[in-house]
Each structure stands twice: as C-alpha cells, then as structure tokens.
Amino acid sequence: APDYKNDAAYQRIRQSVGPDADEDVVLAEYASLKWLEINRPDYRDVVKQVLDELKKEIMSSRDAILGAA
C-alpha cells in the first residue's frame, strides 16, 4: 500500500494510538489489518461469530463460574 498514509484504516490506527506512538507499531498494526482484509475478507464476521459463541458458553456456565469464585 504505497499510499498508506492516506488510507482511512491507517489514519484510524494512527489516531487511536496517539502522537507519541512508535511508527513501527502503527505500521505493524496497519499491515496486520491489511493482511487480514486480503487473506480473510470475512474475518470480522468470523470474529463476531466466535465472540457470540463465547458469550453463550459463558452465560450458560455462569453459575459454575461464579460458584467457583
């Protein structure tokens, strides 16, 4: 992405980490996001599905979880 600094995703990452963040960290985060978008375009759906499954599992086991505490 030769024009990465004008990419909205890069700008969001840059803004979220603050002005003092190491540029290498920002670029690594951006590269990870771009890799996912190219190689697994449905990754957001997959993450949402897995998160929903985890929530259901936690809710169904909440008594056991809270009882163990």
Protein backbone atom coordinates (compact mmCIF):
# COMPACT_ATOMS: atom_id res chain seq x y z
CA ALA A 1 0.00 0.00 0.00
CA PRO A 2 2.31 2.74 -1.24
CA ASP A 3 -0.17 5.48 -0.32
CA TYR A 4 -0.85 4.04 3.15
CA LYS A 5 -0.73 7.38 4.94
CA ASN A 6 -3.90 8.44 3.09
CA ASP A 7 -5.70 5.18 3.88
CA ALA A 8 -8.60 5.65 6.34
CA ALA A 9 -7.57 2.49 8.23
CA TYR A 10 -4.04 3.80 8.76
CA GLN A 11 -5.36 7.15 9.89
CA ARG A 12 -7.73 5.50 12.40
CA ILE A 13 -4.90 3.42 13.83
CA ARG A 14 -2.58 6.41 13.97
CA GLN A 15 -5.24 8.47 15.74
CA SER A 16 -6.13 5.74 18.24
CA VAL A 17 -2.57 5.20 19.45
CA GLY A 18 -1.74 8.86 19.94
CA PRO A 19 1.00 11.12 18.66
CA ASP A 20 3.77 9.56 20.76
CA ALA A 21 3.32 6.01 19.43
CA ASP A 22 6.22 4.34 17.69
CA GLU A 23 5.66 4.40 13.93
CA ASP A 24 6.80 0.76 13.68
CA VAL A 25 3.95 -0.26 15.99
CA VAL A 26 1.44 1.67 13.88
CA LEU A 27 2.76 0.15 10.66
CA ALA A 28 2.69 -3.36 12.12
CA GLU A 29 -0.93 -2.90 13.17
CA TYR A 30 -1.82 -1.50 9.74
CA ALA A 31 -0.02 -4.33 7.94
CA SER A 32 -1.86 -6.91 10.06
CA LEU A 33 -5.19 -5.31 9.22
CA LYS A 34 -4.37 -5.19 5.51
CA TRP A 35 -3.21 -8.82 5.53
CA LEU A 36 -6.50 -9.89 7.12
CA GLU A 37 -8.54 -7.85 4.64
CA ILE A 38 -6.74 -9.50 1.71
CA ASN A 39 -6.42 -13.07 3.00
CA ARG A 40 -9.55 -13.39 5.12
CA PRO A 41 -12.05 -10.73 3.99
CA ASP A 42 -14.74 -12.21 6.24
CA TYR A 43 -12.59 -12.01 9.38
CA ARG A 44 -14.95 -9.52 11.02
CA ASP A 45 -17.82 -11.99 10.63
CA VAL A 46 -15.67 -14.82 11.96
CA VAL A 47 -14.63 -12.78 15.00
CA LYS A 48 -18.24 -11.81 15.68
CA GLN A 49 -19.38 -15.44 15.40
CA VAL A 50 -16.69 -16.72 17.76
CA LEU A 51 -17.36 -13.90 20.24
CA ASP A 52 -21.09 -14.73 20.22
CA GLU A 53 -20.27 -18.40 20.84
CA LEU A 54 -18.00 -17.47 23.75
CA LYS A 55 -20.69 -15.24 25.26
CA LYS A 56 -23.25 -18.06 25.06
CA GLU A 57 -20.81 -20.50 26.65
CA ILE A 58 -20.00 -18.10 29.48
CA MET A 59 -23.66 -17.32 30.10
CA SER A 60 -24.58 -21.00 30.19
CA SER A 61 -21.76 -21.68 32.68
CA ARG A 62 -22.14 -18.53 34.76
CA ASP A 63 -23.39 -20.34 37.88
CA ALA A 64 -20.41 -22.67 37.84
CA ILE A 65 -18.04 -19.79 37.16
CA LEU A 66 -19.45 -17.61 39.94
CA GLY A 67 -19.72 -20.55 42.35
CA ALA A 68 -16.04 -21.34 41.91
CA ALA A 69 -15.01 -17.82 42.86
